[in-house]
Amino acid sequence: MGQRDLMCQMAHRMVRPAVRKHCVLAATLALLPLPTTADIWTEPAPLRRDALLEGRQFNYNSESFLHRLSFRQLSERPWSDADGLSGTAGSSRSDELYLDMFLQKTLRADDGRNEAFARMQRSEDFDGRFDRQIIGFGHRVGDYRLAIAGDVQADKAETDVQFEAQWQPDNYRLARLALILPDAYFNDKTPRDAEYRTKPLSYFAHARIGGSLNGHPGWGFQGALTYSPPARIIDHEMGIDASGNRTRAMVEITLPAQGALRPQVRLEGERSTRSFNFTRSDEPADDFFRRRMHSVRLMATHTTAHLTPSFGIYHLRLHESGWFGDNLAVSGRESRDELIGFIGIRQQLGDRWHWEPALYAGHSSVIQVQVADTLSGDEQNKDENEWQGKLALPFRYTLDEANGAVLTINPTLRLHRAAFGGGNIQLHWPF
């Protein structure tokens, strides 16, 4: 799930002047109404065939989203379409690593109008883990850029084609539209006994706008939407005739400082609907799937208090029911309601070192009923209500002051039981 810095980037007032100057600059940048690092909400999320047929590769447990919240990327990129590498990797279970990585590099021609670009994204959503590797070519006309790109695969049937239009007159305003054709050549190129009866399409829109008030950080807004209308695929080898659609949306608003507090709110939501017909012996109990998800995150940073604390709350509600896909091979339902509060501070430890300890505490309610697709129809039920707590101790080292490159080492501890909460490494390196 990548994101707004949990701690304010202002320096301790008692550090020596040279360090103080650099850290105050970093603090100012952190308080600007900037978008978070590119994530699964601010990049296109086209409908995936494996998501439609196979579904998520893993089950969530009661701590999954607590871990993901504490492992989110702490650094940010500027609003300009900057190149860079940003990634976080955290141990969420003994056999599971939460990954959210984004890499972008743009090569511009000497005429200033033509450019080639590459984007790599490795992350996960509610349909499971995924990779996108986009190679594209763009042409600029004034404040506009038109581009064609693709997630190019050696198996041509797996290739996605993407058309983009972008408007960016300055670092405070950006609008981006994309039309994605997932598996564009699947019907003509696949060796599988499968075909799309209704070819998939995905539409993406992203807008950002912000400003300043009397030279101080002002308000900011960004919103993103990916809509995938109904698509249908028949895979005779898997014995599945599947149809599905998905809508994902995000809105983030940063307000001007209210006295000493600078608030921000972020909303995320998803609606997915699928239907299935089966021609297989182990026919699942359900022939549909529905997901309804929304989350709210409220944050505020105290800009004048000692160590400039940040605090907020995060609420997640996720309801899924039906057949979960061929990976889990179960039918049933899952209902999650989680409310987590958090607070953190920032303290300078030296010229390049600082740490940002944070405390997370909240309540998780999980109801899970699963019936296996096997003839025995094994059933698994879970009904959990528990309080959870976690302490994160991220130590951050500035690798490149000029570009703002930061390495983060983030050990965490569970507080609701005496146990290690997983290690987390983050790298943020603008080019």
Protein backbone atom coordinates (compact mmCIF):
# COMPACT_ATOMS: atom_id res chain seq x y z
CA MET A 1 0.00 0.00 0.00
CA GLY A 2 3.36 3.96 -0.45
CA GLN A 3 2.87 7.27 1.47
CA ARG A 4 2.95 10.58 3.35
CA ASP A 5 5.95 10.88 5.66
CA LEU A 6 4.93 9.82 9.16
CA MET A 7 7.30 12.33 10.73
CA CYS A 8 7.84 15.99 9.96
CA GLN A 9 11.16 16.65 8.25
CA MET A 10 12.15 19.67 10.41
CA ALA A 11 15.44 19.57 12.29
CA HIS A 12 15.97 19.86 15.97
CA ARG A 13 16.54 23.55 16.80
CA MET A 14 19.69 22.81 18.78
CA VAL A 15 21.72 21.18 16.01
CA ARG A 16 24.64 23.15 14.63
CA PRO A 17 23.79 25.75 11.93
CA ALA A 18 25.09 23.88 8.88
CA VAL A 19 23.14 20.74 9.72
CA ARG A 20 20.15 22.80 10.77
CA LYS A 21 20.04 24.58 7.42
CA HIS A 22 19.99 21.31 5.48
CA CYS A 23 17.38 19.70 7.71
CA VAL A 24 15.09 22.74 7.68
CA LEU A 25 15.16 22.59 3.88
CA ALA A 26 14.19 18.91 4.03
CA ALA A 27 11.46 19.81 6.49
CA THR A 28 10.04 22.46 4.17
CA LEU A 29 9.94 19.99 1.30
CA ALA A 30 8.19 17.40 3.46
CA LEU A 31 5.49 19.88 4.44
CA LEU A 32 4.78 20.98 0.89
CA PRO A 33 1.49 19.66 -0.57
CA LEU A 34 3.31 16.96 -2.50
CA PRO A 35 1.98 13.60 -3.58
CA THR A 36 3.27 10.48 -1.98
CA THR A 37 5.75 8.25 -3.72
CA ALA A 38 4.26 6.52 -6.75
CA ASP A 39 2.13 3.64 -5.50
CA ILE A 40 -0.61 1.29 -6.66
CA TRP A 41 -3.15 4.13 -6.47
CA THR A 42 -1.24 6.82 -8.39
CA GLU A 43 -0.19 4.46 -11.21
CA PRO A 44 -2.51 2.62 -13.63
CA ALA A 45 -3.89 -0.65 -12.24
CA PRO A 46 -5.28 -2.48 -15.29
CA LEU A 47 -7.41 -5.59 -15.04
CA ARG A 48 -5.15 -8.65 -14.91
CA ARG A 49 -6.03 -12.06 -16.27
CA ASP A 50 -4.35 -13.85 -13.37
CA ALA A 51 -6.39 -11.75 -10.93
CA LEU A 52 -9.61 -12.67 -12.72
CA LEU A 53 -8.89 -16.41 -12.90
CA GLU A 54 -6.41 -17.17 -10.14
CA GLY A 55 -6.93 -14.48 -7.49
CA ARG A 56 -4.74 -13.72 -4.50
CA GLN A 57 -1.82 -16.07 -3.78
CA PHE A 58 -2.03 -15.71 0.00
CA ASN A 59 -4.43 -15.23 2.90
CA TYR A 60 -4.28 -12.20 5.15
CA ASN A 61 -3.89 -12.71 8.87
CA SER A 62 -4.92 -10.44 11.73
CA GLU A 63 -1.64 -8.46 11.56
CA SER A 64 -1.26 -8.09 7.78
CA PHE A 65 -2.43 -4.50 7.47
CA LEU A 66 -0.73 -3.37 10.68
CA HIS A 67 2.55 -4.54 9.14
CA ARG A 68 1.82 -2.88 5.80
CA LEU A 69 1.02 0.42 7.50
CA SER A 70 4.26 0.38 9.50
CA PHE A 71 6.33 -0.61 6.43
CA ARG A 72 4.99 2.07 4.07
CA GLN A 73 7.53 4.28 2.30
CA LEU A 74 8.50 7.24 4.50
CA SER A 75 10.07 9.37 1.74
CA GLU A 76 8.43 11.41 -0.99
CA ARG A 77 9.16 12.51 -4.53
CA PRO A 78 8.68 16.07 -5.79
CA TRP A 79 5.65 16.86 -7.90
CA SER A 80 7.63 17.19 -11.09
CA ASP A 81 7.75 13.99 -13.14
CA ALA A 82 11.05 13.09 -11.50
CA ASP A 83 13.04 9.94 -12.15
CA GLY A 84 14.14 7.82 -9.26
CA LEU A 85 14.03 4.60 -7.31
CA SER A 86 11.72 4.18 -4.35
CA GLY A 87 11.11 0.90 -2.59
CA THR A 88 10.20 -0.72 0.69
CA ALA A 89 10.58 -4.37 1.69
CA GLY A 90 9.31 -5.65 5.05
CA SER A 91 8.99 -9.09 6.61
CA SER A 92 5.29 -9.54 7.33
CA ARG A 93 5.48 -13.30 8.05
CA SER A 94 8.21 -15.90 8.32
CA ASP A 95 7.64 -16.86 4.67
CA GLU A 96 6.27 -13.57 3.30
CA LEU A 97 7.93 -10.29 2.29
CA TYR A 98 5.82 -7.22 1.64
CA LEU A 99 7.27 -5.42 -1.40
CA ASP A 100 6.36 -2.07 -2.92
CA MET A 101 8.96 -0.85 -5.43
CA PHE A 102 8.89 1.77 -8.17
CA LEU A 103 11.68 2.74 -10.59
CA GLN A 104 11.48 5.33 -13.35
CA LYS A 105 14.12 6.59 -15.78
CA THR A 106 13.58 9.04 -18.65
CA LEU A 107 16.02 9.60 -21.53
CA ARG A 108 15.46 12.90 -23.33
CA ALA A 109 16.58 13.69 -26.87
CA ASP A 110 18.68 16.80 -27.48
CA ASP A 111 15.75 18.48 -29.25
CA GLY A 112 13.91 18.59 -25.90
CA ARG A 113 10.75 17.17 -27.45
CA ASN A 114 11.26 13.41 -27.75
CA GLU A 115 11.99 11.02 -24.92
CA ALA A 116 12.09 7.35 -24.03
CA PHE A 117 11.14 6.16 -20.58
CA ALA A 118 11.09 2.99 -18.50
CA ARG A 119 9.02 2.27 -15.40
CA MET A 120 9.26 -0.79 -13.19
CA GLN A 121 6.69 -1.51 -10.51
CA ARG A 122 6.68 -4.52 -8.19
CA SER A 123 3.94 -4.48 -5.61
CA GLU A 124 0.70 -6.09 -4.50
CA ASP A 125 -2.99 -5.26 -4.39
CA PHE A 126 -6.02 -7.14 -3.08
CA ASP A 127 -5.79 -9.51 -6.06
CA GLY A 128 -2.23 -10.54 -5.22
CA ARG A 129 1.34 -9.74 -6.15
CA PHE A 130 2.15 -8.28 -9.55
CA ASP A 131 4.93 -6.80 -11.70
CA ARG A 132 4.68 -4.13 -14.42
CA GLN A 133 7.65 -3.19 -16.59
CA ILE A 134 6.68 -0.33 -18.89
CA ILE A 135 8.82 0.78 -21.83
CA GLY A 136 7.59 3.81 -23.77
CA PHE A 137 8.27 6.69 -26.13
CA GLY A 138 6.85 10.20 -25.69
CA HIS A 139 6.64 13.41 -27.68
CA ARG A 140 6.27 16.84 -26.02
CA VAL A 141 4.31 19.74 -27.43
CA GLY A 142 4.47 22.70 -25.05
CA ASP A 143 3.06 21.60 -21.69
CA TYR A 144 1.70 18.35 -23.14
CA ARG A 145 3.24 14.93 -23.65
CA LEU A 146 1.73 12.17 -25.76
CA ALA A 147 3.19 8.70 -25.33
CA ILE A 148 2.77 5.06 -26.28
CA ALA A 149 4.11 2.40 -23.96
CA GLY A 150 3.80 -1.27 -23.18
CA ASP A 151 4.45 -3.94 -20.60
CA VAL A 152 6.41 -5.90 -23.19
CA GLN A 153 6.78 -9.66 -22.67
CA ALA A 154 8.69 -12.34 -24.56
CA ASP A 155 5.36 -14.18 -24.78
CA LYS A 156 3.51 -11.72 -27.02
CA ALA A 157 0.16 -12.87 -25.65
CA GLU A 158 1.14 -11.39 -22.28
CA THR A 159 1.94 -7.88 -23.59
CA ASP A 160 -0.08 -4.85 -22.45
CA VAL A 161 -0.30 -1.72 -24.62
CA GLN A 162 -0.73 1.70 -23.01
CA PHE A 163 -1.53 5.13 -24.52
CA GLU A 164 -0.85 8.20 -22.38
CA ALA A 165 -1.56 11.94 -22.46
CA GLN A 166 -0.07 14.25 -19.86
CA TRP A 167 -0.37 17.99 -19.14
CA GLN A 168 2.11 19.61 -16.77
CA PRO A 169 2.65 23.38 -17.01
CA ASP A 170 4.68 23.57 -13.76
CA ASN A 171 5.58 21.62 -10.63
CA TYR A 172 2.24 22.44 -8.98
CA ARG A 173 -0.16 21.13 -11.60
CA LEU A 174 -0.39 17.83 -13.46
CA ALA A 175 -3.10 15.87 -15.26
CA ARG A 176 -2.53 12.43 -16.76
CA LEU A 177 -4.79 10.12 -18.75
CA ALA A 178 -4.10 6.59 -19.94
CA LEU A 179 -5.87 3.90 -21.93
CA ILE A 180 -4.52 0.40 -21.28
CA LEU A 181 -5.16 -2.68 -23.43
CA PRO A 182 -4.25 -5.65 -21.19
CA ASP A 183 -3.19 -8.80 -23.07
CA ALA A 184 -3.63 -6.85 -26.30
CA TYR A 185 -2.63 -9.78 -28.58
CA PHE A 186 -3.86 -12.66 -26.41
CA ASN A 187 -6.47 -14.11 -28.76
CA ASP A 188 -4.09 -14.14 -31.72
CA LYS A 189 -0.90 -15.21 -29.98
CA THR A 190 -1.68 -17.48 -27.01
CA PRO A 191 -0.84 -21.20 -27.24
CA ARG A 192 -3.46 -21.88 -24.54
CA ASP A 193 -6.93 -23.17 -25.25
CA ALA A 194 -8.37 -19.87 -24.11
CA GLU A 195 -9.77 -16.64 -25.52
CA TYR A 196 -11.28 -13.32 -24.52
CA ARG A 197 -14.92 -13.05 -25.57
CA THR A 198 -14.98 -9.44 -24.35
CA LYS A 199 -11.53 -7.90 -24.55
CA PRO A 200 -10.31 -6.09 -21.44
CA LEU A 201 -9.80 -2.33 -21.29
CA SER A 202 -8.71 -0.09 -18.43
CA TYR A 203 -9.01 3.69 -18.15
CA PHE A 204 -6.79 5.71 -15.83
CA ALA A 205 -6.87 9.36 -14.72
CA HIS A 206 -4.63 11.15 -12.23
CA ALA A 207 -4.59 14.85 -11.27
CA ARG A 208 -2.49 16.84 -8.81
CA ILE A 209 -2.64 20.49 -7.87
CA GLY A 210 -1.20 22.55 -5.04
CA GLY A 211 0.25 25.87 -4.06
CA SER A 212 1.73 27.99 -1.30
CA LEU A 213 0.52 30.83 0.88
CA ASN A 214 2.90 33.77 1.40
CA GLY A 215 5.85 31.53 0.70
CA HIS A 216 4.68 28.85 3.18
CA PRO A 217 3.28 25.40 2.38
CA GLY A 218 -0.33 25.73 1.32
CA TRP A 219 -3.01 23.33 0.22
CA GLY A 220 -2.71 20.34 -2.05
CA PHE A 221 -4.99 17.88 -3.81
CA GLN A 222 -4.51 14.72 -5.80
CA GLY A 223 -6.94 12.15 -7.09
CA ALA A 224 -6.64 9.00 -9.17
CA LEU A 225 -9.11 6.61 -10.78
CA THR A 226 -8.70 3.31 -12.63
CA TYR A 227 -11.83 1.86 -14.22
CA SER A 228 -11.88 -1.54 -15.91
CA PRO A 229 -15.26 -2.25 -17.59
CA PRO A 230 -16.58 -5.82 -17.82
CA ALA A 231 -14.31 -8.28 -19.60
CA ARG A 232 -14.91 -11.97 -20.27
CA ILE A 233 -12.43 -14.80 -20.79
CA ILE A 234 -12.94 -18.53 -21.34
CA ASP A 235 -10.04 -20.77 -20.36
CA HIS A 236 -10.86 -24.35 -21.36
CA GLU A 237 -7.67 -25.71 -19.79
CA MET A 238 -8.71 -24.36 -16.36
CA GLY A 239 -12.39 -25.08 -16.96
CA ILE A 240 -13.42 -21.50 -16.17
CA ASP A 241 -15.60 -18.96 -17.98
CA ALA A 242 -15.00 -15.70 -16.09
CA SER A 243 -16.34 -12.15 -16.35
CA GLY A 244 -15.32 -9.25 -14.18
CA ASN A 245 -14.90 -5.52 -13.71
CA ARG A 246 -13.08 -3.29 -11.22
CA THR A 247 -13.07 0.34 -10.10
CA ARG A 248 -10.34 1.84 -7.90
CA ALA A 249 -10.20 5.44 -6.68
CA MET A 250 -8.06 7.57 -4.37
CA VAL A 251 -8.38 11.16 -3.12
CA GLU A 252 -5.81 12.96 -0.98
CA ILE A 253 -6.18 16.48 0.42
CA THR A 254 -3.53 18.43 2.30
CA LEU A 255 -4.77 21.57 4.04
CA PRO A 256 -2.88 24.76 4.95
CA ALA A 257 -1.57 24.79 8.49
CA GLN A 258 -4.35 25.27 11.05
CA GLY A 259 -2.35 27.15 13.67
CA ALA A 260 0.58 24.84 14.41
CA LEU A 261 -1.10 21.75 12.90
CA ARG A 262 -0.88 20.74 9.27
CA PRO A 263 -3.63 18.18 8.49
CA GLN A 264 -4.05 15.71 5.64
CA VAL A 265 -6.77 13.23 4.69
CA ARG A 266 -6.49 10.34 2.22
CA LEU A 267 -9.39 8.17 1.00
CA GLU A 268 -9.06 4.93 -0.96
CA GLY A 269 -11.73 2.60 -2.31
CA GLU A 270 -12.27 -0.38 -4.59
CA ARG A 271 -15.28 -2.24 -6.02
CA SER A 272 -14.72 -5.53 -7.86
CA THR A 273 -17.39 -7.87 -9.22
CA ARG A 274 -16.89 -11.21 -10.98
CA SER A 275 -19.02 -14.11 -12.17
CA PHE A 276 -17.97 -17.65 -13.15
CA ASN A 277 -19.17 -20.71 -15.00
CA PHE A 278 -17.22 -23.93 -14.40
CA THR A 279 -16.64 -27.04 -16.49
CA ARG A 280 -14.46 -28.95 -14.01
CA SER A 281 -14.96 -31.77 -11.56
CA ASP A 282 -13.99 -29.77 -8.47
CA GLU A 283 -16.63 -27.11 -9.06
CA PRO A 284 -16.44 -24.40 -6.36
CA ALA A 285 -19.36 -23.74 -4.06
CA ASP A 286 -19.81 -20.16 -5.34
CA ASP A 287 -19.98 -18.82 -8.90
CA PHE A 288 -19.37 -15.16 -8.10
CA PHE A 289 -16.94 -12.86 -6.31
CA ARG A 290 -17.45 -9.41 -4.84
CA ARG A 291 -15.03 -7.06 -3.10
CA ARG A 292 -15.92 -3.80 -1.41
CA MET A 293 -13.07 -1.92 0.24
CA HIS A 294 -12.51 1.57 1.59
CA SER A 295 -9.96 3.16 3.86
CA VAL A 296 -9.49 6.56 5.48
CA ARG A 297 -6.27 7.99 6.83
CA LEU A 298 -6.25 11.25 8.82
CA MET A 299 -2.91 12.79 9.77
CA ALA A 300 -1.61 15.97 11.32
CA THR A 301 1.88 17.28 12.00
CA HIS A 302 2.64 19.77 14.78
CA THR A 303 5.08 22.14 13.11
CA THR A 304 6.29 24.07 16.17
CA ALA A 305 6.44 21.54 19.02
CA HIS A 306 9.73 20.04 20.15
CA LEU A 307 10.63 17.05 17.90
CA THR A 308 7.63 18.02 15.72
CA PRO A 309 5.35 15.04 16.37
CA SER A 310 2.97 13.62 13.77
CA PHE A 311 -0.12 11.64 14.65
CA GLY A 312 -3.22 10.22 13.00
CA ILE A 313 -5.68 7.37 12.58
CA TYR A 314 -6.18 4.78 9.86
CA HIS A 315 -9.45 2.92 9.25
CA LEU A 316 -9.81 0.00 6.84
CA ARG A 317 -12.98 -1.87 5.94
CA LEU A 318 -12.71 -4.82 3.55
CA HIS A 319 -15.52 -7.23 2.58
CA GLU A 320 -14.95 -10.09 0.14
CA SER A 321 -17.30 -12.95 -0.69
CA GLY A 322 -17.61 -15.71 -3.28
CA TRP A 323 -14.94 -17.77 -5.06
CA PHE A 324 -11.44 -16.43 -4.34
CA GLY A 325 -9.79 -17.86 -7.46
CA ASP A 326 -7.74 -20.88 -8.42
CA ASN A 327 -4.76 -20.00 -6.21
CA LEU A 328 -6.56 -20.26 -2.87
CA ALA A 329 -9.22 -22.61 -4.30
CA VAL A 330 -11.79 -21.69 -1.68
CA SER A 331 -15.25 -20.15 -1.55
CA GLY A 332 -16.56 -18.13 1.36
CA ARG A 333 -16.34 -14.66 2.76
CA GLU A 334 -13.92 -12.43 4.59
CA SER A 335 -14.83 -9.31 6.54
CA ARG A 336 -12.23 -7.02 8.11
CA ASP A 337 -12.71 -3.85 10.14
CA GLU A 338 -9.53 -2.25 11.47
CA LEU A 339 -8.89 1.02 13.28
CA ILE A 340 -5.28 1.98 14.05
CA GLY A 341 -3.96 5.11 15.71
CA PHE A 342 -0.33 6.18 15.37
CA ILE A 343 2.06 8.83 16.63
CA GLY A 344 5.70 9.50 15.88
CA ILE A 345 8.54 11.98 16.27
CA ARG A 346 11.68 12.90 14.40
CA GLN A 347 15.08 13.40 16.03
CA GLN A 348 18.39 14.32 14.44
CA LEU A 349 21.27 12.03 15.46
CA GLY A 350 24.07 13.56 13.41
CA ASP A 351 24.94 15.21 10.12
CA ARG A 352 23.38 12.40 8.08
CA TRP A 353 21.55 10.23 10.62
CA HIS A 354 18.12 10.71 12.15
CA TRP A 355 15.49 8.40 13.52
CA GLU A 356 11.71 8.50 13.45
CA PRO A 357 10.23 6.20 16.13
CA ALA A 358 6.50 5.58 15.80
CA LEU A 359 3.89 3.82 17.91
CA TYR A 360 0.89 2.05 16.35
CA ALA A 361 -2.06 0.78 18.35
CA GLY A 362 -5.57 -0.27 17.41
CA HIS A 363 -8.25 -2.91 17.10
CA SER A 364 -8.73 -5.56 14.43
CA SER A 365 -11.96 -7.48 13.77
CA VAL A 366 -11.75 -10.37 11.28
CA ILE A 367 -14.42 -12.87 10.22
CA GLN A 368 -13.34 -15.51 7.71
CA VAL A 369 -15.29 -18.50 6.40
CA GLN A 370 -13.68 -20.68 3.72
CA VAL A 371 -14.84 -23.89 2.00
CA ALA A 372 -12.24 -25.72 -0.09
CA ASP A 373 -12.95 -26.66 -3.72
CA THR A 374 -12.04 -30.31 -3.05
CA LEU A 375 -14.67 -33.03 -2.94
CA SER A 376 -14.33 -33.19 0.85
CA GLY A 377 -15.26 -29.50 1.06
CA ASP A 378 -13.04 -28.85 4.08
CA GLU A 379 -14.18 -25.76 5.96
CA GLN A 380 -12.11 -23.21 7.86
CA ASN A 381 -13.67 -20.56 10.09
CA LYS A 382 -12.05 -17.63 11.87
CA ASP A 383 -13.60 -15.00 14.13
CA GLU A 384 -10.99 -12.76 15.74
CA ASN A 385 -11.29 -9.56 17.73
CA GLU A 386 -8.08 -8.29 19.22
CA TRP A 387 -6.14 -5.21 20.21
CA GLN A 388 -2.77 -4.82 18.55
CA GLY A 389 0.27 -2.65 19.05
CA LYS A 390 3.56 -2.14 17.28
CA LEU A 391 6.67 -0.03 17.77
CA ALA A 392 8.68 1.00 14.70
CA LEU A 393 12.23 2.33 15.09
CA PRO A 394 13.33 3.52 11.64
CA PHE A 395 16.90 4.82 11.47
CA ARG A 396 17.46 6.92 8.34
CA TYR A 397 20.76 7.77 6.65
CA THR A 398 21.19 10.44 3.97
CA LEU A 399 23.17 8.89 1.11
CA ASP A 400 23.11 11.87 -1.26
CA GLU A 401 22.21 15.29 0.13
CA ALA A 402 21.95 17.00 -3.26
CA ASN A 403 19.36 14.55 -4.59
CA GLY A 404 17.70 13.66 -1.29
CA ALA A 405 18.64 9.96 -1.34
CA VAL A 406 17.80 8.22 1.94
CA LEU A 407 18.34 4.68 3.21
CA THR A 408 16.01 3.52 6.00
CA ILE A 409 16.54 0.55 8.33
CA ASN A 410 13.36 -0.06 10.28
CA PRO A 411 13.26 -2.79 12.97
CA THR A 412 9.83 -3.21 14.58
CA LEU A 413 8.45 -4.84 17.70
CA ARG A 414 4.98 -6.26 18.41
CA LEU A 415 3.50 -4.87 21.61
CA HIS A 416 0.39 -7.08 21.94
CA ARG A 417 2.73 -10.02 22.38
CA ALA A 418 6.43 -10.15 23.08
CA ALA A 419 7.76 -10.77 19.58
CA PHE A 420 9.81 -9.24 16.82
CA GLY A 421 7.55 -7.34 14.42
CA GLY A 422 9.61 -7.80 11.27
CA GLY A 423 12.51 -5.93 9.70
CA ASN A 424 12.02 -3.34 7.00
CA ILE A 425 14.46 -1.73 4.55
CA GLN A 426 13.61 1.29 2.42
CA LEU A 427 15.56 3.05 -0.30
CA HIS A 428 14.55 6.38 -1.79
CA TRP A 429 16.90 7.77 -4.45
CA PRO A 430 15.76 10.47 -6.90
CA PHE A 431 17.89 10.64 -10.05
